[in-house]
Amino acid sequence: MKKIVLALLVLITAQQAWAQHAQMETLFSNKKSGNKKVSIGGYGAVVGKLTPMNDKLGVLTGIEGGVLLNHKIMLGAAGYGLANNIEEPHPTIPNDRKEYLQCWYTGLMGEYIFNSSKLVHWSAGALLGGGGVGRREGKWYDRWDDDHHDGDGWYDGSGFFVAEPFVGVEVNLTTFLRISAGGSYRFVQGSDTPGVSDSDLGGPAFKFAIKAGKF
């Protein structure tokens, strides 16, 4: 009798353990079930922006990238730099050479993509980070031969905080390639370069991007 009772207790314990194992929910799984799982992808993008800089047209180029969750939430980072020559003479010190604006910024980026599987859809997000601004003498192809000032040709440099919300429209070219166009607004605070104000660096921008990855 004791053996029968012991055997029943072992069977009941094993059955309860198996039931708990079978009912366990996990966040990441390759098995198909009724539970909603998290899809993980990611993408990288090359980006171009047209934006006013010190009352002139600036061209910013850069890259973006990050992890894509459930085909709609992107968490990543981005960085951009001024690619064209914008004259920026010192406000008080005369110079016989032309001086140009130097500017870059980078930060963490979040984006929400609406109806990602549709041919045409839209997204919205924001970047939070910081950057630097300064002057350089000569154009890009001149600075490598310039021994004046520091090795990078920078001077009057300062840093700043930047926040940039954005919206865009995307088109799915293939399952792994997309193009995007949209707009953003750059809020800048804290720059201290003589003759360059926060409002000179901030402002609206038109953005175009080519994205590649697992969407």
N, C-alpha and C. Protein backbone atom coordinates (compact mmCIF):
# COMPACT_ATOMS: atom_id res chain seq x y z
N MET A 1 0.82 -1.21 0.00
CA MET A 1 0.00 0.00 0.00
C MET A 1 0.86 1.26 0.00
N LYS A 2 1.91 1.22 0.84
CA LYS A 2 2.80 2.38 0.89
C LYS A 2 3.46 2.62 -0.46
N LYS A 3 3.82 1.53 -1.15
CA LYS A 3 4.46 1.66 -2.47
C LYS A 3 3.50 2.29 -3.48
N ILE A 4 2.22 1.90 -3.40
CA ILE A 4 1.24 2.46 -4.33
C ILE A 4 1.06 3.96 -4.09
N VAL A 5 0.96 4.35 -2.79
CA VAL A 5 0.81 5.77 -2.45
C VAL A 5 2.03 6.56 -2.90
N LEU A 6 3.24 6.00 -2.68
CA LEU A 6 4.47 6.67 -3.09
C LEU A 6 4.52 6.85 -4.60
N ALA A 7 4.10 5.82 -5.33
CA ALA A 7 4.11 5.91 -6.79
C ALA A 7 3.13 6.98 -7.27
N LEU A 8 1.96 7.07 -6.63
CA LEU A 8 0.99 8.09 -7.00
C LEU A 8 1.52 9.49 -6.73
N LEU A 9 2.21 9.67 -5.60
CA LEU A 9 2.79 10.98 -5.28
C LEU A 9 3.84 11.38 -6.30
N VAL A 10 4.67 10.43 -6.73
CA VAL A 10 5.69 10.71 -7.74
C VAL A 10 5.04 11.11 -9.05
N LEU A 11 3.98 10.40 -9.46
CA LEU A 11 3.30 10.71 -10.72
C LEU A 11 2.65 12.09 -10.66
N ILE A 12 2.01 12.40 -9.52
CA ILE A 12 1.36 13.72 -9.38
C ILE A 12 2.38 14.83 -9.43
N THR A 13 3.51 14.65 -8.74
CA THR A 13 4.58 15.66 -8.73
C THR A 13 5.14 15.87 -10.12
N ALA A 14 5.37 14.78 -10.85
CA ALA A 14 5.91 14.88 -12.21
C ALA A 14 4.93 15.57 -13.13
N GLN A 15 3.63 15.26 -12.96
CA GLN A 15 2.61 15.88 -13.81
C GLN A 15 2.54 17.38 -13.56
N GLN A 16 2.61 17.80 -12.30
CA GLN A 16 2.58 19.23 -11.98
C GLN A 16 3.80 19.95 -12.53
N ALA A 17 4.96 19.33 -12.43
CA ALA A 17 6.18 19.93 -12.96
C ALA A 17 6.09 20.09 -14.47
N TRP A 18 5.58 19.09 -15.16
CA TRP A 18 5.44 19.16 -16.62
C TRP A 18 4.42 20.24 -17.01
N ALA A 19 3.34 20.35 -16.24
CA ALA A 19 2.33 21.37 -16.53
C ALA A 19 2.91 22.77 -16.39
N GLN A 20 3.72 23.00 -15.35
CA GLN A 20 4.35 24.30 -15.17
C GLN A 20 5.31 24.61 -16.30
N HIS A 21 6.05 23.59 -16.74
CA HIS A 21 6.99 23.79 -17.85
C HIS A 21 6.25 24.11 -19.14
N ALA A 22 5.15 23.40 -19.38
CA ALA A 22 4.40 23.60 -20.62
C ALA A 22 3.73 24.96 -20.67
N GLN A 23 3.39 25.54 -19.50
CA GLN A 23 2.69 26.81 -19.46
C GLN A 23 3.63 28.01 -19.37
N MET A 24 4.93 27.76 -19.26
CA MET A 24 5.88 28.87 -19.10
C MET A 24 5.91 29.73 -20.35
N GLU A 25 5.80 31.03 -20.20
CA GLU A 25 5.86 31.98 -21.30
C GLU A 25 7.26 32.56 -21.41
N THR A 26 7.75 32.70 -22.64
CA THR A 26 9.07 33.30 -22.87
C THR A 26 8.93 34.46 -23.83
N LEU A 27 9.85 35.41 -23.73
CA LEU A 27 9.80 36.60 -24.58
C LEU A 27 10.30 36.28 -25.98
N PHE A 28 11.40 35.51 -26.07
CA PHE A 28 12.01 35.19 -27.36
C PHE A 28 11.89 33.69 -27.62
N SER A 29 11.29 33.33 -28.72
CA SER A 29 11.12 31.93 -29.05
C SER A 29 10.94 31.77 -30.54
N ASN A 30 11.45 30.64 -31.07
CA ASN A 30 11.27 30.34 -32.49
C ASN A 30 10.03 29.47 -32.72
N LYS A 31 9.44 28.98 -31.62
CA LYS A 31 8.28 28.12 -31.76
C LYS A 31 7.03 28.94 -32.02
N LYS A 32 6.17 28.40 -32.87
CA LYS A 32 4.92 29.08 -33.16
C LYS A 32 3.91 28.78 -32.05
N SER A 33 3.28 29.80 -31.56
CA SER A 33 2.27 29.63 -30.53
C SER A 33 1.30 30.79 -30.60
N GLY A 34 0.30 30.74 -29.75
CA GLY A 34 -0.65 31.83 -29.71
C GLY A 34 -0.13 33.06 -29.03
N ASN A 35 0.99 32.94 -28.31
CA ASN A 35 1.55 34.09 -27.61
C ASN A 35 2.27 35.01 -28.57
N LYS A 36 2.15 36.29 -28.34
CA LYS A 36 2.81 37.28 -29.19
C LYS A 36 4.29 37.37 -28.84
N LYS A 37 5.17 37.23 -29.81
CA LYS A 37 6.61 37.27 -29.60
C LYS A 37 7.19 38.55 -30.18
N VAL A 38 8.39 38.86 -29.77
CA VAL A 38 9.08 40.06 -30.24
C VAL A 38 9.94 39.71 -31.44
N SER A 39 9.73 40.40 -32.55
CA SER A 39 10.57 40.25 -33.73
C SER A 39 11.73 41.23 -33.66
N ILE A 40 12.94 40.74 -33.91
CA ILE A 40 14.13 41.58 -33.83
C ILE A 40 14.79 41.69 -35.20
N GLY A 41 14.96 42.91 -35.67
CA GLY A 41 15.66 43.19 -36.92
C GLY A 41 16.60 44.36 -36.72
N GLY A 42 16.87 45.05 -37.78
CA GLY A 42 17.74 46.22 -37.69
C GLY A 42 18.06 46.77 -39.06
N TYR A 43 18.53 48.00 -39.11
CA TYR A 43 18.90 48.59 -40.38
C TYR A 43 19.94 49.68 -40.19
N GLY A 44 20.62 49.99 -41.30
CA GLY A 44 21.52 51.13 -41.36
C GLY A 44 21.10 52.01 -42.52
N ALA A 45 21.42 53.29 -42.45
CA ALA A 45 20.99 54.23 -43.49
C ALA A 45 22.06 55.27 -43.75
N VAL A 46 22.16 55.67 -45.02
CA VAL A 46 22.97 56.83 -45.39
C VAL A 46 22.00 57.99 -45.60
N VAL A 47 22.36 59.16 -45.08
CA VAL A 47 21.41 60.27 -44.98
C VAL A 47 22.01 61.55 -45.55
N GLY A 48 21.17 62.32 -46.22
CA GLY A 48 21.54 63.67 -46.65
C GLY A 48 20.48 64.65 -46.18
N LYS A 49 20.90 65.84 -45.75
CA LYS A 49 19.97 66.86 -45.28
C LYS A 49 20.30 68.20 -45.91
N LEU A 50 19.26 68.96 -46.24
CA LEU A 50 19.40 70.35 -46.67
C LEU A 50 18.80 71.22 -45.57
N THR A 51 19.58 72.18 -45.08
CA THR A 51 19.15 72.95 -43.92
C THR A 51 19.81 74.32 -43.90
N PRO A 52 19.14 75.35 -43.39
CA PRO A 52 19.81 76.65 -43.25
C PRO A 52 20.87 76.60 -42.17
N MET A 53 22.03 77.16 -42.47
CA MET A 53 23.13 77.28 -41.51
C MET A 53 23.69 78.69 -41.62
N ASN A 54 23.50 79.49 -40.58
CA ASN A 54 23.99 80.86 -40.58
C ASN A 54 23.48 81.63 -41.79
N ASP A 55 22.18 81.47 -42.08
CA ASP A 55 21.51 82.16 -43.19
C ASP A 55 21.99 81.71 -44.56
N LYS A 56 22.63 80.56 -44.64
CA LYS A 56 23.06 79.99 -45.91
C LYS A 56 22.58 78.55 -45.99
N LEU A 57 22.62 77.96 -47.19
CA LEU A 57 22.17 76.59 -47.36
C LEU A 57 23.28 75.63 -46.96
N GLY A 58 23.01 74.80 -45.97
CA GLY A 58 23.97 73.80 -45.53
C GLY A 58 23.58 72.42 -46.02
N VAL A 59 24.58 71.61 -46.32
CA VAL A 59 24.38 70.22 -46.71
C VAL A 59 25.01 69.34 -45.63
N LEU A 60 24.17 68.58 -44.95
CA LEU A 60 24.64 67.65 -43.93
C LEU A 60 24.58 66.23 -44.47
N THR A 61 25.61 65.45 -44.24
CA THR A 61 25.61 64.04 -44.59
C THR A 61 25.88 63.23 -43.33
N GLY A 62 25.37 62.00 -43.30
CA GLY A 62 25.59 61.20 -42.10
C GLY A 62 25.06 59.79 -42.25
N ILE A 63 25.06 59.08 -41.12
CA ILE A 63 24.58 57.71 -41.07
C ILE A 63 23.66 57.53 -39.88
N GLU A 64 22.74 56.58 -40.01
CA GLU A 64 21.83 56.19 -38.93
C GLU A 64 21.79 54.68 -38.85
N GLY A 65 21.48 54.15 -37.69
CA GLY A 65 21.36 52.71 -37.58
C GLY A 65 20.88 52.30 -36.21
N GLY A 66 20.33 51.08 -36.13
CA GLY A 66 19.88 50.60 -34.84
C GLY A 66 19.14 49.29 -34.94
N VAL A 67 18.58 48.88 -33.81
CA VAL A 67 17.82 47.64 -33.69
C VAL A 67 16.34 47.96 -33.92
N LEU A 68 15.66 47.07 -34.67
CA LEU A 68 14.25 47.27 -34.99
C LEU A 68 13.43 46.19 -34.29
N LEU A 69 12.51 46.59 -33.44
CA LEU A 69 11.67 45.66 -32.68
C LEU A 69 10.26 45.64 -33.25
N ASN A 70 9.76 44.42 -33.49
CA ASN A 70 8.38 44.23 -33.99
C ASN A 70 8.10 45.02 -35.26
N HIS A 71 9.11 45.20 -36.09
CA HIS A 71 8.97 45.87 -37.39
C HIS A 71 8.58 47.34 -37.29
N LYS A 72 8.61 47.92 -36.07
CA LYS A 72 8.10 49.29 -35.96
C LYS A 72 8.84 50.19 -34.97
N ILE A 73 9.56 49.65 -34.01
CA ILE A 73 10.25 50.48 -33.02
C ILE A 73 11.76 50.37 -33.24
N MET A 74 12.39 51.47 -33.61
CA MET A 74 13.84 51.48 -33.82
C MET A 74 14.53 52.22 -32.68
N LEU A 75 15.55 51.60 -32.12
CA LEU A 75 16.39 52.21 -31.09
C LEU A 75 17.83 52.16 -31.57
N GLY A 76 18.45 53.32 -31.72
CA GLY A 76 19.80 53.32 -32.27
C GLY A 76 20.51 54.64 -32.07
N ALA A 77 21.33 54.99 -33.05
CA ALA A 77 22.14 56.21 -32.97
C ALA A 77 22.33 56.78 -34.37
N ALA A 78 22.76 58.03 -34.43
CA ALA A 78 22.98 58.70 -35.71
C ALA A 78 24.05 59.76 -35.55
N GLY A 79 24.66 60.14 -36.66
CA GLY A 79 25.66 61.20 -36.65
C GLY A 79 25.70 61.90 -38.00
N TYR A 80 25.91 63.22 -37.99
CA TYR A 80 25.91 64.02 -39.21
C TYR A 80 27.03 65.06 -39.15
N GLY A 81 27.48 65.48 -40.33
CA GLY A 81 28.48 66.52 -40.41
C GLY A 81 28.22 67.45 -41.58
N LEU A 82 28.65 68.70 -41.45
CA LEU A 82 28.48 69.68 -42.52
C LEU A 82 29.44 69.34 -43.66
N ALA A 83 28.89 69.18 -44.87
CA ALA A 83 29.68 68.70 -46.00
C ALA A 83 30.09 69.79 -46.98
N ASN A 84 29.42 70.93 -46.96
CA ASN A 84 29.77 71.98 -47.92
C ASN A 84 30.47 73.14 -47.22
N ASN A 85 30.96 74.08 -48.01
CA ASN A 85 31.73 75.22 -47.49
C ASN A 85 30.81 76.42 -47.26
N ILE A 86 30.67 76.82 -46.01
CA ILE A 86 29.89 78.00 -45.64
C ILE A 86 30.83 79.01 -45.02
N GLU A 87 30.97 80.16 -45.65
CA GLU A 87 31.89 81.18 -45.14
C GLU A 87 31.42 81.69 -43.78
N GLU A 88 32.37 81.80 -42.86
CA GLU A 88 32.07 82.26 -41.50
C GLU A 88 33.25 83.05 -40.97
N PRO A 89 33.42 84.32 -41.40
CA PRO A 89 34.54 85.13 -40.92
C PRO A 89 34.41 85.44 -39.44
N HIS A 90 35.54 85.61 -38.77
CA HIS A 90 35.53 85.97 -37.35
C HIS A 90 34.93 87.36 -37.20
N PRO A 91 34.06 87.57 -36.20
CA PRO A 91 33.36 88.86 -36.10
C PRO A 91 34.26 90.04 -35.72
N THR A 92 35.42 89.78 -35.08
CA THR A 92 36.25 90.90 -34.60
C THR A 92 37.69 90.85 -35.08
N ILE A 93 38.19 89.67 -35.45
CA ILE A 93 39.59 89.54 -35.86
C ILE A 93 39.68 89.46 -37.37
N PRO A 94 40.28 90.46 -38.04
CA PRO A 94 40.39 90.40 -39.50
C PRO A 94 41.36 89.30 -39.93
N ASN A 95 41.10 88.72 -41.09
CA ASN A 95 41.94 87.64 -41.61
C ASN A 95 41.97 87.76 -43.12
N ASP A 96 43.16 87.59 -43.70
CA ASP A 96 43.26 87.71 -45.15
C ASP A 96 42.87 86.42 -45.86
N ARG A 97 42.61 85.36 -45.10
CA ARG A 97 42.14 84.11 -45.70
C ARG A 97 40.66 83.90 -45.37
N LYS A 98 39.97 83.21 -46.25
CA LYS A 98 38.57 82.91 -45.99
C LYS A 98 38.45 81.86 -44.90
N GLU A 99 37.47 82.05 -44.03
CA GLU A 99 37.21 81.11 -42.95
C GLU A 99 35.84 80.48 -43.16
N TYR A 100 35.73 79.20 -42.80
CA TYR A 100 34.52 78.44 -43.07
C TYR A 100 33.99 77.78 -41.80
N LEU A 101 32.68 77.59 -41.77
CA LEU A 101 32.02 76.97 -40.64
C LEU A 101 32.30 75.47 -40.64
N GLN A 102 32.55 74.94 -39.46
CA GLN A 102 32.75 73.51 -39.25
C GLN A 102 31.72 73.06 -38.22
N CYS A 103 30.95 72.01 -38.51
CA CYS A 103 29.89 71.61 -37.59
C CYS A 103 29.59 70.12 -37.74
N TRP A 104 29.34 69.47 -36.61
CA TRP A 104 28.91 68.07 -36.60
C TRP A 104 28.05 67.83 -35.36
N TYR A 105 27.25 66.78 -35.38
CA TYR A 105 26.53 66.37 -34.17
C TYR A 105 26.14 64.90 -34.26
N THR A 106 25.92 64.30 -33.10
CA THR A 106 25.58 62.88 -33.01
C THR A 106 24.70 62.66 -31.80
N GLY A 107 24.06 61.50 -31.72
CA GLY A 107 23.21 61.25 -30.56
C GLY A 107 22.46 59.94 -30.66
N LEU A 108 21.69 59.66 -29.62
CA LEU A 108 20.81 58.50 -29.58
C LEU A 108 19.51 58.83 -30.31
N MET A 109 18.96 57.82 -30.97
CA MET A 109 17.82 58.07 -31.84
C MET A 109 16.74 57.01 -31.61
N GLY A 110 15.50 57.45 -31.58
CA GLY A 110 14.36 56.54 -31.52
C GLY A 110 13.39 56.86 -32.63
N GLU A 111 12.77 55.82 -33.18
CA GLU A 111 11.84 56.02 -34.31
C GLU A 111 10.70 55.03 -34.21
N TYR A 112 9.49 55.47 -34.52
CA TYR A 112 8.33 54.59 -34.59
C TYR A 112 7.84 54.57 -36.04
N ILE A 113 7.72 53.37 -36.61
CA ILE A 113 7.31 53.20 -38.01
C ILE A 113 5.87 52.70 -38.04
N PHE A 114 5.01 53.43 -38.69
CA PHE A 114 3.60 53.09 -38.77
C PHE A 114 3.33 52.24 -40.02
N ASN A 115 2.65 51.09 -39.83
CA ASN A 115 2.28 50.21 -40.96
C ASN A 115 3.48 49.88 -41.83
N SER A 116 4.51 49.34 -41.20
CA SER A 116 5.78 49.09 -41.88
C SER A 116 5.65 48.17 -43.09
N SER A 117 4.68 47.26 -43.09
CA SER A 117 4.54 46.31 -44.19
C SER A 117 3.87 46.91 -45.42
N LYS A 118 3.26 48.08 -45.29
CA LYS A 118 2.63 48.74 -46.43
C LYS A 118 3.68 49.30 -47.39
N LEU A 119 3.34 49.35 -48.67
CA LEU A 119 4.27 49.87 -49.67
C LEU A 119 4.73 51.28 -49.32
N VAL A 120 3.77 52.14 -49.00
CA VAL A 120 4.07 53.51 -48.59
C VAL A 120 3.57 53.69 -47.16
N HIS A 121 4.42 54.14 -46.28
CA HIS A 121 4.04 54.33 -44.89
C HIS A 121 4.84 55.51 -44.32
N TRP A 122 4.63 55.81 -43.05
CA TRP A 122 5.33 56.96 -42.48
C TRP A 122 5.91 56.62 -41.12
N SER A 123 6.81 57.48 -40.66
CA SER A 123 7.48 57.26 -39.39
C SER A 123 7.70 58.59 -38.69
N ALA A 124 7.96 58.52 -37.39
CA ALA A 124 8.26 59.71 -36.59
C ALA A 124 9.23 59.32 -35.48
N GLY A 125 10.05 60.27 -35.08
CA GLY A 125 11.03 59.97 -34.03
C GLY A 125 11.77 61.22 -33.61
N ALA A 126 12.88 61.00 -32.91
CA ALA A 126 13.68 62.12 -32.42
C ALA A 126 15.10 61.67 -32.13
N LEU A 127 16.02 62.62 -32.19
CA LEU A 127 17.42 62.41 -31.81
C LEU A 127 17.75 63.34 -30.66
N LEU A 128 18.48 62.83 -29.67
CA LEU A 128 18.99 63.62 -28.55
C LEU A 128 20.48 63.38 -28.44
N GLY A 129 21.25 64.46 -28.43
CA GLY A 129 22.70 64.28 -28.35
C GLY A 129 23.44 65.59 -28.24
N GLY A 130 24.60 65.63 -28.85
CA GLY A 130 25.44 66.81 -28.80
C GLY A 130 26.35 66.89 -30.00
N GLY A 131 27.05 68.00 -30.11
CA GLY A 131 27.93 68.19 -31.26
C GLY A 131 28.95 69.26 -31.01
N GLY A 132 29.63 69.66 -32.08
CA GLY A 132 30.65 70.68 -31.98
C GLY A 132 30.60 71.62 -33.17
N VAL A 133 31.04 72.85 -32.95
CA VAL A 133 31.08 73.85 -34.01
C VAL A 133 32.35 74.66 -33.87
N GLY A 134 32.87 75.13 -34.99
CA GLY A 134 34.08 75.95 -34.97
C GLY A 134 34.35 76.53 -36.34
N ARG A 135 35.58 77.00 -36.53
CA ARG A 135 36.00 77.57 -37.81
C ARG A 135 37.20 76.79 -38.34
N ARG A 136 37.39 76.90 -39.65
CA ARG A 136 38.60 76.39 -40.28
C ARG A 136 39.00 77.36 -41.37
N GLU A 137 40.27 77.42 -41.66
CA GLU A 137 40.77 78.27 -42.74
C GLU A 137 40.90 77.43 -44.01
N GLY A 138 40.43 77.99 -45.11
CA GLY A 138 40.53 77.28 -46.38
C GLY A 138 39.42 76.28 -46.56
N LYS A 139 39.26 75.81 -47.79
CA LYS A 139 38.25 74.82 -48.10
C LYS A 139 38.76 73.44 -47.69
N TRP A 140 37.88 72.42 -47.88
CA TRP A 140 38.24 71.08 -47.44
C TRP A 140 39.54 70.60 -48.05
N TYR A 141 39.75 70.85 -49.34
CA TYR A 141 40.95 70.33 -49.98
C TYR A 141 42.19 71.15 -49.64
N ASP A 142 42.02 72.30 -48.96
CA ASP A 142 43.17 73.10 -48.56
C ASP A 142 43.70 72.72 -47.18
N ARG A 143 42.85 72.18 -46.32
CA ARG A 143 43.24 72.08 -44.92
C ARG A 143 44.32 71.04 -44.66
N TRP A 144 44.48 70.08 -45.56
CA TRP A 144 45.51 69.07 -45.35
C TRP A 144 46.91 69.68 -45.44
N ASP A 145 47.05 70.79 -46.17
CA ASP A 145 48.34 71.46 -46.29
C ASP A 145 48.48 72.65 -45.36
N ASP A 146 47.51 72.81 -44.47
CA ASP A 146 47.50 73.98 -43.59
C ASP A 146 48.19 73.65 -42.27
N ASP A 147 49.31 74.31 -41.98
CA ASP A 147 50.03 74.10 -40.72
C ASP A 147 49.62 75.11 -39.66
N HIS A 148 48.67 75.98 -40.00
CA HIS A 148 48.24 77.02 -39.08
C HIS A 148 47.25 76.44 -38.06
N HIS A 149 47.25 76.94 -36.86
CA HIS A 149 46.37 76.49 -35.79
C HIS A 149 46.63 75.01 -35.48
N ASP A 150 45.62 74.25 -35.08
CA ASP A 150 45.86 72.87 -34.67
C ASP A 150 45.88 71.95 -35.87
N GLY A 151 46.15 70.66 -35.59
CA GLY A 151 46.33 69.70 -36.68
C GLY A 151 45.10 69.47 -37.52
N ASP A 152 43.92 69.69 -36.95
CA ASP A 152 42.69 69.48 -37.70
C ASP A 152 42.21 70.73 -38.41
N GLY A 153 42.90 71.86 -38.23
CA GLY A 153 42.46 73.10 -38.85
C GLY A 153 41.31 73.77 -38.13
N TRP A 154 40.94 73.27 -36.94
CA TRP A 154 39.83 73.82 -36.16
C TRP A 154 40.32 74.91 -35.22
N TYR A 155 39.50 75.92 -34.97
CA TYR A 155 39.72 76.86 -33.88
C TYR A 155 38.39 77.52 -33.55
N ASP A 156 38.36 78.25 -32.42
CA ASP A 156 37.11 78.83 -31.91
C ASP A 156 36.05 77.75 -31.70
N GLY A 157 36.47 76.55 -31.34
CA GLY A 157 35.53 75.45 -31.20
C GLY A 157 34.72 75.50 -29.91
N SER A 158 33.51 74.99 -29.96
CA SER A 158 32.66 74.87 -28.77
C SER A 158 31.69 73.71 -28.99
N GLY A 159 31.12 73.23 -27.89
CA GLY A 159 30.16 72.14 -27.97
C GLY A 159 28.74 72.64 -27.76
N PHE A 160 27.77 71.80 -28.08
CA PHE A 160 26.37 72.17 -27.89
C PHE A 160 25.51 70.93 -27.70
N PHE A 161 24.34 71.13 -27.11
CA PHE A 161 23.31 70.11 -26.99
C PHE A 161 22.35 70.24 -28.17
N VAL A 162 21.87 69.10 -28.68
CA VAL A 162 20.94 69.14 -29.80
C VAL A 162 19.78 68.18 -29.56
N ALA A 163 18.58 68.61 -29.92
CA ALA A 163 17.38 67.77 -29.94
C ALA A 163 16.73 67.97 -31.31
N GLU A 164 16.40 66.86 -31.98
CA GLU A 164 15.89 66.97 -33.35
C GLU A 164 14.74 65.98 -33.59
N PRO A 165 13.49 66.41 -33.43
CA PRO A 165 12.36 65.57 -33.83
C PRO A 165 12.22 65.55 -35.35
N PHE A 166 11.65 64.45 -35.87
CA PHE A 166 11.53 64.32 -37.33
C PHE A 166 10.33 63.45 -37.69
N VAL A 167 9.86 63.63 -38.92
CA VAL A 167 8.82 62.79 -39.52
C VAL A 167 9.25 62.48 -40.94
N GLY A 168 8.76 61.36 -41.48
CA GLY A 168 9.14 61.01 -42.84
C GLY A 168 8.17 60.04 -43.48
N VAL A 169 8.22 59.96 -44.79
CA VAL A 169 7.45 59.00 -45.58
C VAL A 169 8.42 58.01 -46.20
N GLU A 170 8.11 56.71 -46.09
CA GLU A 170 8.99 55.67 -46.60
C GLU A 170 8.31 54.87 -47.70
N VAL A 171 9.13 54.35 -48.61
CA VAL A 171 8.66 53.46 -49.68
C VAL A 171 9.50 52.19 -49.64
N ASN A 172 8.85 51.03 -49.61
CA ASN A 172 9.54 49.75 -49.62
C ASN A 172 9.93 49.39 -51.05
N LEU A 173 11.22 49.45 -51.35
CA LEU A 173 11.69 49.05 -52.68
C LEU A 173 11.77 47.53 -52.77
N THR A 174 12.37 46.89 -51.78
CA THR A 174 12.42 45.44 -51.66
C THR A 174 12.19 45.11 -50.19
N THR A 175 12.30 43.84 -49.83
CA THR A 175 12.11 43.45 -48.44
C THR A 175 13.25 43.94 -47.56
N PHE A 176 14.37 44.30 -48.14
CA PHE A 176 15.52 44.74 -47.34
C PHE A 176 16.00 46.15 -47.68
N LEU A 177 15.29 46.87 -48.56
CA LEU A 177 15.74 48.19 -49.00
C LEU A 177 14.57 49.17 -49.04
N ARG A 178 14.79 50.36 -48.46
CA ARG A 178 13.76 51.39 -48.43
C ARG A 178 14.39 52.75 -48.72
N ILE A 179 13.54 53.67 -49.22
CA ILE A 179 13.94 55.07 -49.32
C ILE A 179 12.98 55.89 -48.47
N SER A 180 13.48 56.99 -47.95
CA SER A 180 12.69 57.81 -47.04
C SER A 180 12.95 59.29 -47.31
N ALA A 181 11.91 60.09 -47.22
CA ALA A 181 12.03 61.54 -47.34
C ALA A 181 11.15 62.18 -46.28
N GLY A 182 11.63 63.28 -45.71
CA GLY A 182 10.85 63.92 -44.67
C GLY A 182 11.47 65.20 -44.18
N GLY A 183 11.06 65.62 -43.01
CA GLY A 183 11.55 66.87 -42.45
C GLY A 183 11.88 66.72 -40.98
N SER A 184 12.68 67.65 -40.48
CA SER A 184 13.05 67.66 -39.07
C SER A 184 13.25 69.11 -38.63
N TYR A 185 13.37 69.29 -37.32
CA TYR A 185 13.70 70.61 -36.79
C TYR A 185 14.75 70.43 -35.71
N ARG A 186 15.86 71.15 -35.87
CA ARG A 186 17.02 71.02 -34.99
C ARG A 186 17.01 72.12 -33.93
N PHE A 187 16.90 71.72 -32.66
CA PHE A 187 17.00 72.65 -31.54
C PHE A 187 18.41 72.56 -30.97
N VAL A 188 19.12 73.69 -30.94
CA VAL A 188 20.51 73.72 -30.49
C VAL A 188 20.63 74.65 -29.29
N GLN A 189 21.41 74.23 -28.29
CA GLN A 189 21.60 75.03 -27.10
C GLN A 189 23.04 74.87 -26.59
N GLY A 190 23.71 76.01 -26.30
CA GLY A 190 24.99 75.96 -25.62
C GLY A 190 26.22 76.25 -26.46
N SER A 191 26.08 76.55 -27.75
CA SER A 191 27.26 76.85 -28.57
C SER A 191 27.88 78.17 -28.12
N ASP A 192 29.21 78.23 -28.17
CA ASP A 192 29.91 79.41 -27.65
C ASP A 192 30.99 79.90 -28.62
N THR A 193 30.86 79.57 -29.89
CA THR A 193 31.82 80.03 -30.89
C THR A 193 31.52 81.48 -31.25
N PRO A 194 32.51 82.39 -31.22
CA PRO A 194 32.26 83.80 -31.54
C PRO A 194 31.61 83.97 -32.91
N GLY A 195 30.55 84.74 -32.95
CA GLY A 195 29.87 85.02 -34.21
C GLY A 195 28.91 83.95 -34.66
N VAL A 196 28.77 82.85 -33.90
CA VAL A 196 27.86 81.76 -34.26
C VAL A 196 26.90 81.53 -33.10
N SER A 197 25.64 81.79 -33.30
CA SER A 197 24.65 81.63 -32.24
C SER A 197 23.94 80.29 -32.37
N ASP A 198 23.19 79.94 -31.33
CA ASP A 198 22.39 78.72 -31.37
C ASP A 198 21.39 78.75 -32.52
N SER A 199 20.80 79.91 -32.75
CA SER A 199 19.81 80.02 -33.83
C SER A 199 20.45 79.88 -35.21
N ASP A 200 21.75 80.21 -35.33
CA ASP A 200 22.46 80.01 -36.60
C ASP A 200 22.60 78.53 -36.93
N LEU A 201 22.68 77.69 -35.89
CA LEU A 201 22.89 76.26 -36.09
C LEU A 201 21.59 75.47 -36.11
N GLY A 202 20.55 75.99 -35.47
CA GLY A 202 19.28 75.30 -35.43
C GLY A 202 18.40 75.67 -36.61
N GLY A 203 17.30 74.93 -36.76
CA GLY A 203 16.36 75.24 -37.82
C GLY A 203 15.80 74.01 -38.49
N PRO A 204 14.92 74.20 -39.48
CA PRO A 204 14.31 73.08 -40.18
C PRO A 204 15.28 72.43 -41.15
N ALA A 205 14.95 71.21 -41.54
CA ALA A 205 15.78 70.49 -42.51
C ALA A 205 14.92 69.57 -43.35
N PHE A 206 15.29 69.42 -44.62
CA PHE A 206 14.71 68.39 -45.48
C PHE A 206 15.66 67.21 -45.46
N LYS A 207 15.12 66.01 -45.30
CA LYS A 207 15.95 64.82 -45.10
C LYS A 207 15.62 63.76 -46.14
N PHE A 208 16.66 63.14 -46.70
CA PHE A 208 16.50 62.01 -47.61
C PHE A 208 17.42 60.89 -47.15
N ALA A 209 16.91 59.65 -47.14
CA ALA A 209 17.70 58.53 -46.63
C ALA A 209 17.47 57.28 -47.47
N ILE A 210 18.50 56.46 -47.56
CA ILE A 210 18.41 55.12 -48.13
C ILE A 210 18.70 54.13 -47.01
N LYS A 211 17.73 53.25 -46.73
CA LYS A 211 17.84 52.31 -45.61
C LYS A 211 18.00 50.89 -46.13
N ALA A 212 18.86 50.12 -45.47
CA ALA A 212 19.06 48.72 -45.82
C ALA A 212 19.14 47.90 -44.54
N GLY A 213 18.47 46.75 -44.53
CA GLY A 213 18.53 45.91 -43.35
C GLY A 213 17.41 44.89 -43.31
N LYS A 214 17.17 44.36 -42.12
CA LYS A 214 16.09 43.41 -41.88
C LYS A 214 14.94 44.16 -41.23
N PHE A 215 13.89 44.37 -42.01
CA PHE A 215 12.76 45.15 -41.53
C PHE A 215 11.63 44.26 -41.01
